[in-house]
Amino acid sequence: MLVKIKSNNQNIEIYMKHIVEKKVRVNFKKKSKVLILQARDLIKKNINIKKITKHFNDEGIIIIKNVLNKQKCNFFINLLEKNYTSYKHSYFTTKKKKIPTHSQDYNAKTVSNLHNKDIKFLKFLDHPIILPLVTSFLQQGSYMKSDKIICQSLVARSPIGKCNCQQLHNDARLIGSYFPLVIQVMWTLDRFTKNNGSTRFVIGSHRFMKFPKNRKVYNGEIVAEVPSGSAIIFNAALWHGSSKIKTSPNRRWGIICRYARWFLKPSFDFNFNTPAKIYKRLNSFQKELLGFKFNPPKDEFERTSARSKKPIMPM
């Protein structure tokens, strides 16, 4: 019998309790350093969270397959194409470079701040299969392993035409952290392949005491080739970047949700870019994930805690 999971603190804690108590052996692929799980095993709790956490800490990445079906993937692809068409000419970099993208030197269709584009995108924010794992990974090293987390960014990208590989980078912006500070979940709405620019990783590089050198190819780089509907969960400090795109025309939509410890700031100011009509439809946990409980007080007369007991409505 499947347990219905809702997106709030209490149920996620219950869900994690079930995962910890279940001690079913996980099949690790001997020839691969990347642990690949099936969504159905997470739903049925056929996992050992300790082994998964150890693997994630050692390698910096795990992959969950078959989280979304083809119909849902196509629905969100069409929704992203519609939003991109609506907003592409208003982007800051479009006005500056006259190119409808804001993905720096890597040419891609991009839709940022998905939470304020359509309420349906919030399904990715607190997904009941993925978020418990992310929460467990990010709470490592915190007091009683119970610290809160936030979403720093919810963005979607699809490359445009042929282009060279993206510079390897570290999205945590810090080296040497024993526990993860930032975790990214990459949802593959299209199939990711070695020909369409799928993300490449240097396994274990989140432990390196250095940043990747510019334009250098490293031994051990792997390209994540996964079917549509998968979720790639990785430590943001893991060196990664899109691979060379060999096919054109090309479409490879992916949604990236970046989570972090509550005291790190988001990429955009959700206090100013979240419409009231969207805010009112958020559940309490979604409000927490978007940081509405972690706005610092104006001064000591307002309150002395960096966190508020209730979410503060955006301006």
C-alpha atoms as a PDB file:
ATOM      1  CA  MET A   1       0.000   0.000   0.000  1.00  0.00           C
ATOM      2  CA  LEU A   2       1.448   3.360  -1.014  1.00  0.00           C
ATOM      3  CA  VAL A   3       1.512   6.212   1.480  1.00  0.00           C
ATOM      4  CA  LYS A   4       0.304   9.550   0.173  1.00  0.00           C
ATOM      5  CA  ILE A   5       2.935  12.187   0.854  1.00  0.00           C
ATOM      6  CA  LYS A   6       2.012  15.844   1.106  1.00  0.00           C
ATOM      7  CA  SER A   7       4.467  18.710   0.925  1.00  0.00           C
ATOM      8  CA  ASN A   8       4.784  19.876   4.494  1.00  0.00           C
ATOM      9  CA  ASN A   9       7.305  19.451   7.282  1.00  0.00           C
ATOM     10  CA  GLN A  10       5.475  16.804   9.288  1.00  0.00           C
ATOM     11  CA  ASN A  11       4.849  14.400   6.432  1.00  0.00           C
ATOM     12  CA  ILE A  12       8.353  14.734   5.052  1.00  0.00           C
ATOM     13  CA  GLU A  13       9.744  13.892   8.495  1.00  0.00           C
ATOM     14  CA  ILE A  14       7.465  10.819   8.629  1.00  0.00           C
ATOM     15  CA  TYR A  15       8.563   9.834   5.124  1.00  0.00           C
ATOM     16  CA  MET A  16      12.239  10.107   6.064  1.00  0.00           C
ATOM     17  CA  LYS A  17      11.584   8.009   9.174  1.00  0.00           C
ATOM     18  CA  HIS A  18      10.164   5.227   7.010  1.00  0.00           C
ATOM     19  CA  ILE A  19      13.183   5.402   4.702  1.00  0.00           C
ATOM     20  CA  VAL A  20      15.667   5.159   7.570  1.00  0.00           C
ATOM     21  CA  GLU A  21      13.860   2.229   9.182  1.00  0.00           C
ATOM     22  CA  LYS A  22      13.662   0.191   5.983  1.00  0.00           C
ATOM     23  CA  LYS A  23      16.827  -1.847   5.480  1.00  0.00           C
ATOM     24  CA  VAL A  24      16.655  -3.275   1.983  1.00  0.00           C
ATOM     25  CA  ARG A  25      19.875  -3.790   0.052  1.00  0.00           C
ATOM     26  CA  VAL A  26      20.495  -1.421  -2.846  1.00  0.00           C
ATOM     27  CA  ASN A  27      21.976  -2.722  -6.089  1.00  0.00           C
ATOM     28  CA  PHE A  28      25.156  -0.772  -6.840  1.00  0.00           C
ATOM     29  CA  LYS A  29      26.447  -0.980 -10.401  1.00  0.00           C
ATOM     30  CA  LYS A  30      29.939  -2.457 -10.261  1.00  0.00           C
ATOM     31  CA  LYS A  31      31.180  -0.821 -13.469  1.00  0.00           C
ATOM     32  CA  SER A  32      29.814   2.639 -12.677  1.00  0.00           C
ATOM     33  CA  LYS A  33      30.608   5.115  -9.966  1.00  0.00           C
ATOM     34  CA  VAL A  34      27.170   6.692 -10.265  1.00  0.00           C
ATOM     35  CA  LEU A  35      24.419   5.123  -8.186  1.00  0.00           C
ATOM     36  CA  ILE A  36      21.225   4.727 -10.220  1.00  0.00           C
ATOM     37  CA  LEU A  37      17.911   4.133  -8.455  1.00  0.00           C
ATOM     38  CA  GLN A  38      14.363   3.670  -9.690  1.00  0.00           C
ATOM     39  CA  ALA A  39      11.619   6.006  -8.494  1.00  0.00           C
ATOM     40  CA  ARG A  40       9.411   3.027  -7.666  1.00  0.00           C
ATOM     41  CA  ASP A  41      11.964   1.874  -5.066  1.00  0.00           C
ATOM     42  CA  LEU A  42      11.788   5.255  -3.353  1.00  0.00           C
ATOM     43  CA  ILE A  43       7.984   5.228  -3.419  1.00  0.00           C
ATOM     44  CA  LYS A  44       7.920   1.745  -1.881  1.00  0.00           C
ATOM     45  CA  LYS A  45      10.808   2.706   0.409  1.00  0.00           C
ATOM     46  CA  ASN A  46      12.952  -0.169  -0.903  1.00  0.00           C
ATOM     47  CA  ILE A  47      16.176   1.666  -0.094  1.00  0.00           C
ATOM     48  CA  ASN A  48      18.863   1.971   2.549  1.00  0.00           C
ATOM     49  CA  ILE A  49      19.327   5.686   3.222  1.00  0.00           C
ATOM     50  CA  LYS A  50      22.679   5.184   4.960  1.00  0.00           C
ATOM     51  CA  LYS A  51      24.220   3.494   1.912  1.00  0.00           C
ATOM     52  CA  ILE A  52      22.761   6.093  -0.432  1.00  0.00           C
ATOM     53  CA  THR A  53      24.041   8.956   1.729  1.00  0.00           C
ATOM     54  CA  LYS A  54      27.518   7.421   1.895  1.00  0.00           C
ATOM     55  CA  HIS A  55      27.562   6.981  -1.876  1.00  0.00           C
ATOM     56  CA  PHE A  56      26.378  10.553  -2.394  1.00  0.00           C
ATOM     57  CA  ASN A  57      29.046  11.889  -0.027  1.00  0.00           C
ATOM     58  CA  ASP A  58      31.787   9.868  -1.720  1.00  0.00           C
ATOM     59  CA  GLU A  59      30.871  10.368  -5.384  1.00  0.00           C
ATOM     60  CA  GLY A  60      28.816  13.554  -5.195  1.00  0.00           C
ATOM     61  CA  ILE A  61      25.960  12.341  -7.402  1.00  0.00           C
ATOM     62  CA  ILE A  62      23.060   9.898  -7.683  1.00  0.00           C
ATOM     63  CA  ILE A  63      20.443   9.424 -10.415  1.00  0.00           C
ATOM     64  CA  ILE A  64      16.764   8.577  -9.939  1.00  0.00           C
ATOM     65  CA  LYS A  65      15.055   7.211 -13.064  1.00  0.00           C
ATOM     66  CA  ASN A  66      11.370   7.187 -14.033  1.00  0.00           C
ATOM     67  CA  VAL A  67      10.227   9.937 -11.691  1.00  0.00           C
ATOM     68  CA  LEU A  68       8.081  11.591 -14.392  1.00  0.00           C
ATOM     69  CA  ASN A  69       6.232   9.866 -17.206  1.00  0.00           C
ATOM     70  CA  LYS A  70       6.460  10.939 -20.845  1.00  0.00           C
ATOM     71  CA  GLN A  71       3.132  12.750 -20.766  1.00  0.00           C
ATOM     72  CA  LYS A  72       4.192  14.982 -17.867  1.00  0.00           C
ATOM     73  CA  CYS A  73       7.558  15.687 -19.484  1.00  0.00           C
ATOM     74  CA  ASN A  74       5.882  16.795 -22.718  1.00  0.00           C
ATOM     75  CA  PHE A  75       3.416  18.951 -20.780  1.00  0.00           C
ATOM     76  CA  PHE A  76       6.204  20.866 -19.041  1.00  0.00           C
ATOM     77  CA  ILE A  77       8.278  21.142 -22.229  1.00  0.00           C
ATOM     78  CA  ASN A  78       5.345  22.824 -23.983  1.00  0.00           C
ATOM     79  CA  LEU A  79       4.807  25.092 -20.975  1.00  0.00           C
ATOM     80  CA  LEU A  80       8.486  26.108 -21.006  1.00  0.00           C
ATOM     81  CA  GLU A  81       8.493  26.816 -24.739  1.00  0.00           C
ATOM     82  CA  LYS A  82       5.456  29.037 -24.261  1.00  0.00           C
ATOM     83  CA  ASN A  83       7.075  30.939 -21.394  1.00  0.00           C
ATOM     84  CA  TYR A  84      10.371  31.312 -23.211  1.00  0.00           C
ATOM     85  CA  THR A  85       8.602  32.818 -26.223  1.00  0.00           C
ATOM     86  CA  SER A  86       6.777  35.241 -23.946  1.00  0.00           C
ATOM     87  CA  TYR A  87       9.795  36.475 -21.985  1.00  0.00           C
ATOM     88  CA  LYS A  88      12.909  36.023 -24.158  1.00  0.00           C
ATOM     89  CA  HIS A  89      12.995  39.590 -25.499  1.00  0.00           C
ATOM     90  CA  SER A  90      12.788  41.117 -22.016  1.00  0.00           C
ATOM     91  CA  TYR A  91      15.832  39.416 -20.503  1.00  0.00           C
ATOM     92  CA  PHE A  92      18.632  41.653 -19.276  1.00  0.00           C
ATOM     93  CA  THR A  93      21.234  39.938 -21.476  1.00  0.00           C
ATOM     94  CA  THR A  94      18.913  40.018 -24.490  1.00  0.00           C
ATOM     95  CA  LYS A  95      18.860  43.803 -24.304  1.00  0.00           C
ATOM     96  CA  LYS A  96      22.628  43.898 -23.784  1.00  0.00           C
ATOM     97  CA  LYS A  97      23.783  41.314 -26.358  1.00  0.00           C
ATOM     98  CA  LYS A  98      20.761  41.315 -28.684  1.00  0.00           C
ATOM     99  CA  ILE A  99      20.589  37.538 -28.226  1.00  0.00           C
ATOM    100  CA  PRO A 100      17.506  35.962 -26.581  1.00  0.00           C
ATOM    101  CA  THR A 101      19.318  34.065 -23.839  1.00  0.00           C
ATOM    102  CA  HIS A 102      20.693  34.806 -20.398  1.00  0.00           C
ATOM    103  CA  SER A 103      22.871  31.767 -19.959  1.00  0.00           C
ATOM    104  CA  GLN A 104      26.179  33.659 -20.305  1.00  0.00           C
ATOM    105  CA  ASP A 105      28.499  32.239 -22.994  1.00  0.00           C
ATOM    106  CA  TYR A 106      26.615  28.952 -23.305  1.00  0.00           C
ATOM    107  CA  ASN A 107      23.851  29.643 -25.803  1.00  0.00           C
ATOM    108  CA  ALA A 108      20.586  28.287 -24.402  1.00  0.00           C
ATOM    109  CA  LYS A 109      16.919  28.997 -24.054  1.00  0.00           C
ATOM    110  CA  THR A 110      16.406  29.872 -20.406  1.00  0.00           C
ATOM    111  CA  VAL A 111      13.379  30.450 -18.218  1.00  0.00           C
ATOM    112  CA  SER A 112      14.184  31.542 -14.664  1.00  0.00           C
ATOM    113  CA  ASN A 113      12.040  31.977 -11.562  1.00  0.00           C
ATOM    114  CA  LEU A 114       9.655  29.229 -12.586  1.00  0.00           C
ATOM    115  CA  HIS A 115       7.684  29.706  -9.370  1.00  0.00           C
ATOM    116  CA  ASN A 116       6.270  32.988 -10.689  1.00  0.00           C
ATOM    117  CA  LYS A 117       5.702  31.808 -14.268  1.00  0.00           C
ATOM    118  CA  ASP A 118       3.134  29.116 -13.557  1.00  0.00           C
ATOM    119  CA  ILE A 119       1.934  27.500 -10.328  1.00  0.00           C
ATOM    120  CA  LYS A 120       2.317  24.073 -11.964  1.00  0.00           C
ATOM    121  CA  PHE A 121       6.123  24.361 -11.822  1.00  0.00           C
ATOM    122  CA  LEU A 122       5.944  24.189  -8.038  1.00  0.00           C
ATOM    123  CA  LYS A 123       5.559  20.414  -8.365  1.00  0.00           C
ATOM    124  CA  PHE A 124       9.341  20.363  -8.792  1.00  0.00           C
ATOM    125  CA  LEU A 125       9.996  22.484  -5.703  1.00  0.00           C
ATOM    126  CA  ASP A 126       8.850  20.001  -3.050  1.00  0.00           C
ATOM    127  CA  HIS A 127       8.547  16.756  -4.967  1.00  0.00           C
ATOM    128  CA  PRO A 128       7.734  13.978  -2.433  1.00  0.00           C
ATOM    129  CA  ILE A 129      10.181  11.472  -3.928  1.00  0.00           C
ATOM    130  CA  ILE A 130      13.186  13.764  -4.366  1.00  0.00           C
ATOM    131  CA  LEU A 131      12.994  16.367  -1.600  1.00  0.00           C
ATOM    132  CA  PRO A 132      13.346  13.927   1.347  1.00  0.00           C
ATOM    133  CA  LEU A 133      16.690  12.767  -0.061  1.00  0.00           C
ATOM    134  CA  VAL A 134      17.892  16.332  -0.672  1.00  0.00           C
ATOM    135  CA  THR A 135      16.810  17.355   2.824  1.00  0.00           C
ATOM    136  CA  SER A 136      18.622  14.418   4.402  1.00  0.00           C
ATOM    137  CA  PHE A 137      21.825  15.177   2.466  1.00  0.00           C
ATOM    138  CA  LEU A 138      21.763  18.898   3.303  1.00  0.00           C
ATOM    139  CA  GLN A 139      20.998  18.444   6.994  1.00  0.00           C
ATOM    140  CA  GLN A 140      24.244  16.568   7.541  1.00  0.00           C
ATOM    141  CA  GLY A 141      26.499  18.424   9.939  1.00  0.00           C
ATOM    142  CA  SER A 142      23.757  20.704  11.254  1.00  0.00           C
ATOM    143  CA  TYR A 143      22.582  20.756  14.860  1.00  0.00           C
ATOM    144  CA  MET A 144      20.681  17.514  15.489  1.00  0.00           C
ATOM    145  CA  LYS A 145      20.628  17.099  11.696  1.00  0.00           C
ATOM    146  CA  SER A 146      17.493  19.209  11.606  1.00  0.00           C
ATOM    147  CA  ASP A 147      18.428  22.556  10.064  1.00  0.00           C
ATOM    148  CA  LYS A 148      16.094  24.058   7.484  1.00  0.00           C
ATOM    149  CA  ILE A 149      16.843  24.325   3.776  1.00  0.00           C
ATOM    150  CA  ILE A 150      15.796  26.743   1.037  1.00  0.00           C
ATOM    151  CA  CYS A 151      15.502  26.788  -2.725  1.00  0.00           C
ATOM    152  CA  GLN A 152      18.042  29.181  -4.215  1.00  0.00           C
ATOM    153  CA  SER A 153      16.905  28.909  -7.793  1.00  0.00           C
ATOM    154  CA  LEU A 154      14.304  27.216  -9.983  1.00  0.00           C
ATOM    155  CA  VAL A 155      15.308  27.541 -13.628  1.00  0.00           C
ATOM    156  CA  ALA A 156      14.958  25.659 -16.928  1.00  0.00           C
ATOM    157  CA  ARG A 157      17.366  25.509 -19.885  1.00  0.00           C
ATOM    158  CA  SER A 158      17.557  24.042 -23.357  1.00  0.00           C
ATOM    159  CA  PRO A 159      20.635  24.550 -25.596  1.00  0.00           C
ATOM    160  CA  ILE A 160      20.300  26.331 -28.925  1.00  0.00           C
ATOM    161  CA  GLY A 161      22.160  24.797 -31.887  1.00  0.00           C
ATOM    162  CA  LYS A 162      25.663  23.342 -31.952  1.00  0.00           C
ATOM    163  CA  CYS A 163      28.210  24.666 -29.474  1.00  0.00           C
ATOM    164  CA  ASN A 164      31.312  23.613 -27.600  1.00  0.00           C
ATOM    165  CA  CYS A 165      31.262  22.207 -24.113  1.00  0.00           C
ATOM    166  CA  GLN A 166      30.564  24.474 -21.180  1.00  0.00           C
ATOM    167  CA  GLN A 167      33.346  25.417 -18.788  1.00  0.00           C
ATOM    168  CA  LEU A 168      33.488  23.036 -15.830  1.00  0.00           C
ATOM    169  CA  HIS A 169      32.436  24.865 -12.688  1.00  0.00           C
ATOM    170  CA  ASN A 170      31.529  24.577  -9.017  1.00  0.00           C
ATOM    171  CA  ASP A 171      28.099  26.042  -8.227  1.00  0.00           C
ATOM    172  CA  ALA A 172      28.672  25.898  -4.466  1.00  0.00           C
ATOM    173  CA  ARG A 173      31.288  28.654  -4.988  1.00  0.00           C
ATOM    174  CA  LEU A 174      33.410  27.191  -2.198  1.00  0.00           C
ATOM    175  CA  ILE A 175      35.901  24.354  -1.847  1.00  0.00           C
ATOM    176  CA  GLY A 176      36.827  22.228   1.131  1.00  0.00           C
ATOM    177  CA  SER A 177      33.407  21.775   2.744  1.00  0.00           C
ATOM    178  CA  TYR A 178      33.090  18.349   4.367  1.00  0.00           C
ATOM    179  CA  PHE A 179      29.295  18.370   4.135  1.00  0.00           C
ATOM    180  CA  PRO A 180      27.314  19.651   1.136  1.00  0.00           C
ATOM    181  CA  LEU A 181      26.285  23.300   1.295  1.00  0.00           C
ATOM    182  CA  VAL A 182      24.333  23.362  -1.952  1.00  0.00           C
ATOM    183  CA  ILE A 183      22.622  20.520  -3.832  1.00  0.00           C
ATOM    184  CA  GLN A 184      21.194  20.661  -7.341  1.00  0.00           C
ATOM    185  CA  VAL A 185      18.430  18.533  -8.791  1.00  0.00           C
ATOM    186  CA  MET A 186      18.420  18.386 -12.576  1.00  0.00           C
ATOM    187  CA  TRP A 187      15.136  17.153 -14.023  1.00  0.00           C
ATOM    188  CA  THR A 188      15.558  15.720 -17.517  1.00  0.00           C
ATOM    189  CA  LEU A 189      12.389  16.534 -19.443  1.00  0.00           C
ATOM    190  CA  ASP A 190      14.082  15.455 -22.671  1.00  0.00           C
ATOM    191  CA  ARG A 191      16.471  12.552 -22.938  1.00  0.00           C
ATOM    192  CA  PHE A 192      20.037  13.590 -22.093  1.00  0.00           C
ATOM    193  CA  THR A 193      22.652  12.074 -24.453  1.00  0.00           C
ATOM    194  CA  LYS A 194      26.311  12.540 -25.361  1.00  0.00           C
ATOM    195  CA  ASN A 195      25.201  14.176 -28.631  1.00  0.00           C
ATOM    196  CA  ASN A 196      22.755  16.775 -27.313  1.00  0.00           C
ATOM    197  CA  GLY A 197      24.920  18.451 -24.672  1.00  0.00           C
ATOM    198  CA  SER A 198      24.115  16.361 -21.615  1.00  0.00           C
ATOM    199  CA  THR A 199      25.872  17.465 -18.437  1.00  0.00           C
ATOM    200  CA  ARG A 200      29.299  15.992 -17.796  1.00  0.00           C
ATOM    201  CA  PHE A 201      30.757  15.479 -14.318  1.00  0.00           C
ATOM    202  CA  VAL A 202      34.112  14.784 -12.689  1.00  0.00           C
ATOM    203  CA  ILE A 203      33.116  12.209 -10.084  1.00  0.00           C
ATOM    204  CA  GLY A 204      34.481  12.934  -6.604  1.00  0.00           C
ATOM    205  CA  SER A 205      35.665  16.440  -7.526  1.00  0.00           C
ATOM    206  CA  HIS A 206      33.561  18.012  -4.767  1.00  0.00           C
ATOM    207  CA  ARG A 207      36.359  16.834  -2.464  1.00  0.00           C
ATOM    208  CA  PHE A 208      39.085  18.614  -4.453  1.00  0.00           C
ATOM    209  CA  MET A 209      40.786  21.563  -2.779  1.00  0.00           C
ATOM    210  CA  LYS A 210      40.799  23.571  -5.984  1.00  0.00           C
ATOM    211  CA  PHE A 211      38.566  24.857  -8.762  1.00  0.00           C
ATOM    212  CA  PRO A 212      38.672  23.446 -12.314  1.00  0.00           C
ATOM    213  CA  LYS A 213      41.052  25.181 -14.704  1.00  0.00           C
ATOM    214  CA  ASN A 214      39.591  27.076 -17.627  1.00  0.00           C
ATOM    215  CA  ARG A 215      39.186  25.099 -20.883  1.00  0.00           C
ATOM    216  CA  LYS A 216      40.892  22.006 -19.479  1.00  0.00           C
ATOM    217  CA  VAL A 217      39.590  18.488 -20.134  1.00  0.00           C
ATOM    218  CA  TYR A 218      40.057  16.204 -17.140  1.00  0.00           C
ATOM    219  CA  ASN A 219      40.553  12.458 -17.032  1.00  0.00           C
ATOM    220  CA  GLY A 220      37.507  10.696 -15.695  1.00  0.00           C
ATOM    221  CA  GLU A 221      34.909  13.117 -17.034  1.00  0.00           C
ATOM    222  CA  ILE A 222      31.634  11.269 -17.562  1.00  0.00           C
ATOM    223  CA  VAL A 223      28.569  12.353 -19.505  1.00  0.00           C
ATOM    224  CA  ALA A 224      25.251  11.645 -17.787  1.00  0.00           C
ATOM    225  CA  GLU A 225      23.139   9.876 -20.407  1.00  0.00           C
ATOM    226  CA  VAL A 226      19.712   9.386 -18.864  1.00  0.00           C
ATOM    227  CA  PRO A 227      16.146   9.004 -20.157  1.00  0.00           C
ATOM    228  CA  SER A 228      13.527  11.715 -19.902  1.00  0.00           C
ATOM    229  CA  GLY A 229      11.725  11.874 -16.594  1.00  0.00           C
ATOM    230  CA  SER A 230      14.866  11.318 -14.517  1.00  0.00           C
ATOM    231  CA  ALA A 231      16.284  13.389 -11.661  1.00  0.00           C
ATOM    232  CA  ILE A 232      20.058  13.878 -11.338  1.00  0.00           C
ATOM    233  CA  ILE A 233      20.881  14.865  -7.753  1.00  0.00           C
ATOM    234  CA  PHE A 234      24.390  16.195  -7.203  1.00  0.00           C
ATOM    235  CA  ASN A 235      26.509  18.189  -4.802  1.00  0.00           C
ATOM    236  CA  ALA A 236      26.793  21.633  -6.406  1.00  0.00           C
ATOM    237  CA  ALA A 237      30.529  21.614  -5.613  1.00  0.00           C
ATOM    238  CA  LEU A 238      30.936  18.660  -8.002  1.00  0.00           C
ATOM    239  CA  TRP A 239      32.660  19.918 -11.158  1.00  0.00           C
ATOM    240  CA  HIS A 240      30.136  19.901 -13.961  1.00  0.00           C
ATOM    241  CA  GLY A 241      29.228  21.543 -17.242  1.00  0.00           C
ATOM    242  CA  SER A 242      27.258  20.802 -20.383  1.00  0.00           C
ATOM    243  CA  SER A 243      29.056  18.699 -22.990  1.00  0.00           C
ATOM    244  CA  LYS A 244      29.630  19.561 -26.647  1.00  0.00           C
ATOM    245  CA  ILE A 245      26.460  19.610 -28.728  1.00  0.00           C
ATOM    246  CA  LYS A 246      26.910  17.589 -31.905  1.00  0.00           C
ATOM    247  CA  THR A 247      23.379  17.626 -33.304  1.00  0.00           C
ATOM    248  CA  SER A 248      21.332  20.518 -34.642  1.00  0.00           C
ATOM    249  CA  PRO A 249      18.523  21.478 -34.520  1.00  0.00           C
ATOM    250  CA  ASN A 250      18.500  20.443 -30.919  1.00  0.00           C
ATOM    251  CA  ARG A 251      16.202  20.502 -27.898  1.00  0.00           C
ATOM    252  CA  ARG A 252      17.162  19.354 -24.430  1.00  0.00           C
ATOM    253  CA  TRP A 253      14.993  20.881 -21.749  1.00  0.00           C
ATOM    254  CA  GLY A 254      16.024  20.394 -18.165  1.00  0.00           C
ATOM    255  CA  ILE A 255      14.736  21.991 -14.976  1.00  0.00           C
ATOM    256  CA  ILE A 256      17.337  22.745 -12.315  1.00  0.00           C
ATOM    257  CA  CYS A 257      16.268  23.232  -8.727  1.00  0.00           C
ATOM    258  CA  ARG A 258      19.106  24.376  -6.497  1.00  0.00           C
ATOM    259  CA  TYR A 259      18.732  23.840  -2.748  1.00  0.00           C
ATOM    260  CA  ALA A 260      20.938  25.209   0.025  1.00  0.00           C
ATOM    261  CA  ARG A 261      21.166  25.645   3.756  1.00  0.00           C
ATOM    262  CA  TRP A 262      18.749  28.300   4.961  1.00  0.00           C
ATOM    263  CA  PHE A 263      21.366  30.966   5.740  1.00  0.00           C
ATOM    264  CA  LEU A 264      22.656  31.166   2.143  1.00  0.00           C
ATOM    265  CA  LYS A 265      21.008  33.685  -0.151  1.00  0.00           C
ATOM    266  CA  PRO A 266      18.986  32.833  -3.272  1.00  0.00           C
ATOM    267  CA  SER A 267      19.915  33.805  -6.837  1.00  0.00           C
ATOM    268  CA  PHE A 268      16.942  36.169  -7.134  1.00  0.00           C
ATOM    269  CA  ASP A 269      14.915  38.129  -4.604  1.00  0.00           C
ATOM    270  CA  PHE A 270      11.752  36.107  -4.157  1.00  0.00           C
ATOM    271  CA  ASN A 271      10.425  38.809  -1.832  1.00  0.00           C
ATOM    272  CA  PHE A 272      10.065  41.115  -4.813  1.00  0.00           C
ATOM    273  CA  ASN A 273       9.345  38.728  -7.681  1.00  0.00           C
ATOM    274  CA  THR A 274       6.613  36.550  -6.171  1.00  0.00           C
ATOM    275  CA  PRO A 275       3.118  37.844  -7.061  1.00  0.00           C
ATOM    276  CA  ALA A 276       0.537  37.885  -4.274  1.00  0.00           C
ATOM    277  CA  LYS A 277      -1.727  35.556  -6.249  1.00  0.00           C
ATOM    278  CA  ILE A 278       1.077  32.971  -6.401  1.00  0.00           C
ATOM    279  CA  TYR A 279       2.060  33.418  -2.754  1.00  0.00           C
ATOM    280  CA  LYS A 280      -1.491  32.777  -1.586  1.00  0.00           C
ATOM    281  CA  ARG A 281      -1.502  29.408  -3.367  1.00  0.00           C
ATOM    282  CA  LEU A 282       1.754  28.195  -1.803  1.00  0.00           C
ATOM    283  CA  ASN A 283       1.548  25.674   0.990  1.00  0.00           C
ATOM    284  CA  SER A 284       3.437  26.412   4.211  1.00  0.00           C
ATOM    285  CA  PHE A 285       6.431  24.300   3.272  1.00  0.00           C
ATOM    286  CA  GLN A 286       6.763  25.892  -0.175  1.00  0.00           C
ATOM    287  CA  LYS A 287       6.791  29.310   1.524  1.00  0.00           C
ATOM    288  CA  GLU A 288       9.585  28.078   3.755  1.00  0.00           C
ATOM    289  CA  LEU A 289      11.578  26.691   0.820  1.00  0.00           C
ATOM    290  CA  LEU A 290      11.305  30.024  -0.991  1.00  0.00           C
ATOM    291  CA  GLY A 291      12.777  31.725   2.076  1.00  0.00           C
ATOM    292  CA  PHE A 292       9.798  33.652   3.392  1.00  0.00           C
ATOM    293  CA  LYS A 293      10.649  32.570   6.951  1.00  0.00           C
ATOM    294  CA  PHE A 294      14.306  33.544   6.684  1.00  0.00           C
ATOM    295  CA  ASN A 295      14.183  37.275   6.038  1.00  0.00           C
ATOM    296  CA  PRO A 296      16.388  39.063   8.572  1.00  0.00           C
ATOM    297  CA  PRO A 297      14.630  41.539  10.862  1.00  0.00           C
ATOM    298  CA  LYS A 298      14.832  45.248  10.133  1.00  0.00           C
ATOM    299  CA  ASP A 299      16.403  45.907  13.533  1.00  0.00           C
ATOM    300  CA  GLU A 300      16.480  44.681  17.134  1.00  0.00           C
ATOM    301  CA  PHE A 301      13.076  46.245  17.831  1.00  0.00           C
ATOM    302  CA  GLU A 302      11.339  44.005  15.311  1.00  0.00           C
ATOM    303  CA  ARG A 303      12.840  40.713  16.520  1.00  0.00           C
ATOM    304  CA  THR A 304      16.236  39.256  17.427  1.00  0.00           C
ATOM    305  CA  SER A 305      16.059  35.966  15.541  1.00  0.00           C
ATOM    306  CA  ALA A 306      17.239  35.636  11.930  1.00  0.00           C
ATOM    307  CA  ARG A 307      14.252  33.368  11.329  1.00  0.00           C
ATOM    308  CA  SER A 308      10.615  34.254  11.757  1.00  0.00           C
ATOM    309  CA  LYS A 309       8.038  31.853  13.190  1.00  0.00           C
ATOM    310  CA  LYS A 310       5.628  32.537  10.340  1.00  0.00           C
ATOM    311  CA  PRO A 311       6.315  33.275   6.673  1.00  0.00           C
ATOM    312  CA  ILE A 312       6.446  36.955   5.788  1.00  0.00           C
ATOM    313  CA  MET A 313       4.379  37.916   2.773  1.00  0.00           C
ATOM    314  CA  PRO A 314       6.464  39.283  -0.148  1.00  0.00           C
ATOM    315  CA  MET A 315       6.435  42.985  -0.921  1.00  0.00           C
END
